Amino acid sequence: MYTDRNFKTKKALKEAVAARLAYLAAQKLAADTGPMTVGAIIGAQIRPANPVTVYQPGPFGGNPPTSGRIFLEGPHYPEPHRWWSSAILENGEVVKVG
């Protein structure tokens, strides 16, 4: 499977997933404690981050799973693959990279 973005390294994928999780944690904190101020957001260096989703190209593509363990590879074809990884999906979004 491939990710929706063409990550050149597994490290870049992990950083994107970590940024998304940090953003979601900040949103949850804001919902629990009230709205965060601009100063708090800038101080915490929290930036909006898009979810990392996956797809399966080719004739067997169809709809990818929405939760569970999957296996990823990159960069995208036609470049030669340089990294492979397992990942955990929740609600169609990558939440952990192995």
N, C-alpha and C. Protein backbone atom coordinates (compact mmCIF):
# COMPACT_ATOMS: atom_id res chain seq x y z
N MET A 1 0.83 -1.17 0.00
CA MET A 1 0.00 0.00 0.00
C MET A 1 0.88 1.23 0.00
N TYR A 2 0.31 2.30 -0.49
CA TYR A 2 0.98 3.59 -0.51
C TYR A 2 0.23 4.57 0.38
N THR A 3 0.93 5.61 0.84
CA THR A 3 0.27 6.70 1.55
C THR A 3 -0.23 7.72 0.54
N ASP A 4 -1.12 8.60 0.99
CA ASP A 4 -1.67 9.61 0.09
C ASP A 4 -0.61 10.60 -0.37
N ARG A 5 0.45 10.76 0.39
CA ARG A 5 1.57 11.63 0.01
C ARG A 5 2.78 10.76 -0.29
N ASN A 6 3.61 11.21 -1.18
CA ASN A 6 4.77 10.43 -1.61
C ASN A 6 5.96 10.73 -0.70
N PHE A 7 6.01 10.06 0.45
CA PHE A 7 7.12 10.26 1.39
C PHE A 7 8.37 9.61 0.84
N LYS A 8 9.47 10.36 0.83
CA LYS A 8 10.72 9.83 0.29
C LYS A 8 11.43 8.93 1.31
N THR A 9 11.16 9.15 2.62
CA THR A 9 11.78 8.34 3.66
C THR A 9 10.74 7.92 4.70
N LYS A 10 11.04 6.87 5.42
CA LYS A 10 10.15 6.44 6.50
C LYS A 10 10.16 7.48 7.62
N LYS A 11 11.29 8.15 7.80
CA LYS A 11 11.38 9.20 8.82
C LYS A 11 10.39 10.32 8.54
N ALA A 12 10.25 10.72 7.28
CA ALA A 12 9.30 11.77 6.91
C ALA A 12 7.87 11.32 7.20
N LEU A 13 7.57 10.05 6.93
CA LEU A 13 6.25 9.50 7.25
C LEU A 13 5.99 9.56 8.74
N LYS A 14 6.96 9.11 9.54
CA LYS A 14 6.80 9.12 11.00
C LYS A 14 6.59 10.54 11.52
N GLU A 15 7.33 11.51 10.96
CA GLU A 15 7.18 12.91 11.39
C GLU A 15 5.79 13.43 11.06
N ALA A 16 5.25 13.10 9.90
CA ALA A 16 3.92 13.55 9.52
C ALA A 16 2.85 12.95 10.43
N VAL A 17 2.99 11.69 10.77
CA VAL A 17 2.04 11.03 11.67
C VAL A 17 2.14 11.64 13.07
N ALA A 18 3.36 11.89 13.55
CA ALA A 18 3.55 12.49 14.87
C ALA A 18 2.96 13.90 14.93
N ALA A 19 3.12 14.68 13.85
CA ALA A 19 2.56 16.02 13.81
C ALA A 19 1.04 15.98 13.86
N ARG A 20 0.45 15.03 13.16
CA ARG A 20 -1.01 14.88 13.18
C ARG A 20 -1.50 14.49 14.57
N LEU A 21 -0.81 13.56 15.22
CA LEU A 21 -1.22 13.14 16.55
C LEU A 21 -1.09 14.28 17.56
N ALA A 22 -0.04 15.09 17.44
CA ALA A 22 0.14 16.25 18.32
C ALA A 22 -0.99 17.26 18.11
N TYR A 23 -1.36 17.47 16.86
CA TYR A 23 -2.44 18.40 16.55
C TYR A 23 -3.76 17.90 17.12
N LEU A 24 -4.04 16.60 16.99
CA LEU A 24 -5.28 16.04 17.53
C LEU A 24 -5.29 16.11 19.06
N ALA A 25 -4.14 15.89 19.69
CA ALA A 25 -4.06 15.99 21.15
C ALA A 25 -4.31 17.43 21.60
N ALA A 26 -3.80 18.40 20.87
CA ALA A 26 -4.03 19.80 21.21
C ALA A 26 -5.51 20.16 21.04
N GLN A 27 -6.15 19.63 20.00
CA GLN A 27 -7.58 19.88 19.81
C GLN A 27 -8.38 19.29 20.96
N LYS A 28 -8.02 18.09 21.39
CA LYS A 28 -8.72 17.45 22.51
C LYS A 28 -8.53 18.25 23.79
N LEU A 29 -7.31 18.71 24.03
CA LEU A 29 -7.04 19.53 25.20
C LEU A 29 -7.86 20.80 25.18
N ALA A 30 -7.94 21.44 24.01
CA ALA A 30 -8.72 22.67 23.88
C ALA A 30 -10.19 22.40 24.13
N ALA A 31 -10.70 21.27 23.67
CA ALA A 31 -12.10 20.93 23.89
C ALA A 31 -12.36 20.66 25.37
N ASP A 32 -11.38 20.07 26.07
CA ASP A 32 -11.55 19.75 27.48
C ASP A 32 -11.40 20.96 28.39
N THR A 33 -10.50 21.87 28.04
CA THR A 33 -10.18 23.00 28.92
C THR A 33 -10.68 24.33 28.40
N GLY A 34 -11.27 24.36 27.24
CA GLY A 34 -11.69 25.61 26.63
C GLY A 34 -10.74 25.98 25.51
N PRO A 35 -11.08 27.00 24.73
CA PRO A 35 -10.26 27.36 23.58
C PRO A 35 -8.86 27.80 23.99
N MET A 36 -7.89 27.37 23.19
CA MET A 36 -6.51 27.78 23.42
C MET A 36 -6.30 29.17 22.85
N THR A 37 -5.46 29.94 23.51
CA THR A 37 -5.15 31.27 22.99
C THR A 37 -4.13 31.15 21.87
N VAL A 38 -4.03 32.19 21.07
CA VAL A 38 -3.06 32.19 19.97
C VAL A 38 -1.65 32.04 20.53
N GLY A 39 -1.38 32.71 21.65
CA GLY A 39 -0.05 32.61 22.26
C GLY A 39 0.28 31.19 22.69
N ALA A 40 -0.71 30.48 23.22
CA ALA A 40 -0.48 29.10 23.65
C ALA A 40 -0.20 28.20 22.46
N ILE A 41 -0.92 28.43 21.38
CA ILE A 41 -0.71 27.61 20.18
C ILE A 41 0.67 27.88 19.58
N ILE A 42 1.05 29.16 19.50
CA ILE A 42 2.36 29.50 18.95
C ILE A 42 3.46 28.99 19.88
N GLY A 43 3.26 29.13 21.19
CA GLY A 43 4.26 28.66 22.15
C GLY A 43 4.46 27.16 22.09
N ALA A 44 3.39 26.44 21.86
CA ALA A 44 3.49 24.98 21.76
C ALA A 44 3.90 24.53 20.36
N GLN A 45 3.98 25.46 19.43
CA GLN A 45 4.33 25.19 18.04
C GLN A 45 3.44 24.11 17.44
N ILE A 46 2.14 24.25 17.67
CA ILE A 46 1.18 23.30 17.13
C ILE A 46 0.66 23.85 15.81
N ARG A 47 0.82 23.08 14.78
CA ARG A 47 0.38 23.49 13.45
C ARG A 47 -0.68 22.50 12.97
N PRO A 48 -1.67 23.00 12.24
CA PRO A 48 -2.64 22.05 11.67
C PRO A 48 -1.91 21.03 10.79
N ALA A 49 -2.30 19.79 10.93
CA ALA A 49 -1.65 18.72 10.17
C ALA A 49 -2.72 17.84 9.54
N ASN A 50 -2.55 17.57 8.26
CA ASN A 50 -3.50 16.72 7.55
C ASN A 50 -3.30 15.27 7.92
N PRO A 51 -4.36 14.48 7.90
CA PRO A 51 -4.20 13.05 8.20
C PRO A 51 -3.43 12.35 7.09
N VAL A 52 -2.73 11.29 7.46
CA VAL A 52 -2.04 10.45 6.48
C VAL A 52 -2.97 9.27 6.21
N THR A 53 -3.42 9.16 4.97
CA THR A 53 -4.30 8.07 4.58
C THR A 53 -3.57 7.17 3.59
N VAL A 54 -4.19 6.05 3.23
CA VAL A 54 -3.54 5.08 2.36
C VAL A 54 -4.44 4.68 1.20
N TYR A 55 -3.81 4.10 0.18
CA TYR A 55 -4.56 3.53 -0.94
C TYR A 55 -3.75 2.38 -1.53
N GLN A 56 -4.45 1.52 -2.25
CA GLN A 56 -3.81 0.38 -2.91
C GLN A 56 -3.97 0.56 -4.41
N PRO A 57 -2.89 0.81 -5.15
CA PRO A 57 -3.00 0.98 -6.59
C PRO A 57 -3.17 -0.36 -7.30
N GLY A 58 -3.53 -0.30 -8.54
CA GLY A 58 -3.58 -1.51 -9.36
C GLY A 58 -4.93 -2.19 -9.37
N PRO A 59 -4.99 -3.33 -10.04
CA PRO A 59 -6.26 -4.03 -10.23
C PRO A 59 -6.85 -4.59 -8.94
N PHE A 60 -6.05 -4.76 -7.91
CA PHE A 60 -6.55 -5.30 -6.65
C PHE A 60 -6.75 -4.20 -5.61
N GLY A 61 -6.73 -2.97 -6.07
CA GLY A 61 -6.82 -1.83 -5.16
C GLY A 61 -8.10 -1.78 -4.37
N GLY A 62 -9.19 -1.45 -5.02
CA GLY A 62 -10.46 -1.37 -4.30
C GLY A 62 -10.40 -0.40 -3.14
N ASN A 63 -11.18 -0.68 -2.13
CA ASN A 63 -11.20 0.16 -0.94
C ASN A 63 -10.21 -0.37 0.08
N PRO A 64 -9.28 0.48 0.56
CA PRO A 64 -8.33 0.01 1.56
C PRO A 64 -9.04 -0.19 2.90
N PRO A 65 -8.45 -0.95 3.80
CA PRO A 65 -9.08 -1.12 5.11
C PRO A 65 -9.13 0.21 5.85
N THR A 66 -10.00 0.31 6.84
CA THR A 66 -10.10 1.54 7.62
C THR A 66 -9.49 1.40 9.01
N SER A 67 -9.22 0.17 9.43
CA SER A 67 -8.55 -0.01 10.72
C SER A 67 -7.80 -1.33 10.72
N GLY A 68 -6.79 -1.41 11.58
CA GLY A 68 -5.97 -2.61 11.68
C GLY A 68 -4.55 -2.38 11.20
N ARG A 69 -3.78 -3.47 11.13
CA ARG A 69 -2.38 -3.41 10.70
C ARG A 69 -2.30 -3.51 9.18
N ILE A 70 -1.47 -2.65 8.60
CA ILE A 70 -1.23 -2.66 7.16
C ILE A 70 0.28 -2.59 6.93
N PHE A 71 0.67 -2.73 5.67
CA PHE A 71 2.08 -2.64 5.30
C PHE A 71 2.22 -1.61 4.19
N LEU A 72 3.18 -0.71 4.36
CA LEU A 72 3.39 0.40 3.43
C LEU A 72 4.74 0.28 2.76
N GLU A 73 4.86 0.94 1.62
CA GLU A 73 6.13 1.01 0.92
C GLU A 73 6.23 2.37 0.25
N GLY A 74 7.46 2.78 -0.02
CA GLY A 74 7.64 4.07 -0.66
C GLY A 74 9.09 4.23 -1.09
N PRO A 75 9.39 5.24 -1.85
CA PRO A 75 8.47 6.18 -2.49
C PRO A 75 7.59 5.49 -3.54
N HIS A 76 6.67 6.24 -4.05
CA HIS A 76 5.71 5.69 -5.01
C HIS A 76 6.39 5.24 -6.30
N TYR A 77 5.78 4.24 -6.94
CA TYR A 77 6.20 3.78 -8.27
C TYR A 77 6.09 4.96 -9.22
N PRO A 78 6.97 5.21 -10.14
CA PRO A 78 8.00 4.35 -10.71
C PRO A 78 9.36 4.43 -10.01
N GLU A 79 9.49 5.26 -8.98
CA GLU A 79 10.77 5.27 -8.25
C GLU A 79 10.96 3.92 -7.56
N PRO A 80 12.20 3.49 -7.40
CA PRO A 80 12.41 2.23 -6.67
C PRO A 80 12.05 2.43 -5.20
N HIS A 81 11.42 1.43 -4.61
CA HIS A 81 11.06 1.52 -3.20
C HIS A 81 12.33 1.47 -2.36
N ARG A 82 12.42 2.37 -1.38
CA ARG A 82 13.59 2.43 -0.51
C ARG A 82 13.23 2.17 0.94
N TRP A 83 11.95 2.18 1.25
CA TRP A 83 11.55 1.89 2.63
C TRP A 83 10.24 1.10 2.64
N TRP A 84 10.10 0.29 3.69
CA TRP A 84 8.90 -0.52 3.92
C TRP A 84 8.59 -0.40 5.40
N SER A 85 7.30 -0.47 5.75
CA SER A 85 6.94 -0.36 7.16
C SER A 85 5.56 -0.93 7.41
N SER A 86 5.36 -1.42 8.61
CA SER A 86 4.01 -1.74 9.05
C SER A 86 3.43 -0.47 9.66
N ALA A 87 2.12 -0.41 9.72
CA ALA A 87 1.45 0.75 10.28
C ALA A 87 0.10 0.32 10.85
N ILE A 88 -0.42 1.13 11.74
CA ILE A 88 -1.74 0.89 12.33
C ILE A 88 -2.68 1.98 11.83
N LEU A 89 -3.84 1.54 11.34
CA LEU A 89 -4.87 2.46 10.87
C LEU A 89 -6.00 2.51 11.90
N GLU A 90 -6.55 3.70 12.09
CA GLU A 90 -7.78 3.89 12.85
C GLU A 90 -8.62 4.89 12.09
N ASN A 91 -9.83 4.50 11.77
CA ASN A 91 -10.76 5.35 11.01
C ASN A 91 -10.15 5.84 9.70
N GLY A 92 -9.38 4.98 9.04
CA GLY A 92 -8.79 5.30 7.75
C GLY A 92 -7.57 6.18 7.81
N GLU A 93 -7.05 6.44 8.99
CA GLU A 93 -5.92 7.34 9.18
C GLU A 93 -4.77 6.58 9.84
N VAL A 94 -3.55 6.80 9.38
CA VAL A 94 -2.38 6.17 9.99
C VAL A 94 -2.14 6.81 11.35
N VAL A 95 -2.08 6.00 12.41
CA VAL A 95 -1.86 6.53 13.76
C VAL A 95 -0.56 6.02 14.38
N LYS A 96 0.04 5.00 13.76
CA LYS A 96 1.32 4.49 14.28
C LYS A 96 2.10 3.86 13.14
N VAL A 97 3.39 4.14 13.11
CA VAL A 97 4.26 3.57 12.09
C VAL A 97 5.30 2.71 12.80
N GLY A 98 5.46 1.48 12.29
CA GLY A 98 6.40 0.54 12.91
C GLY A 98 7.82 0.79 12.56
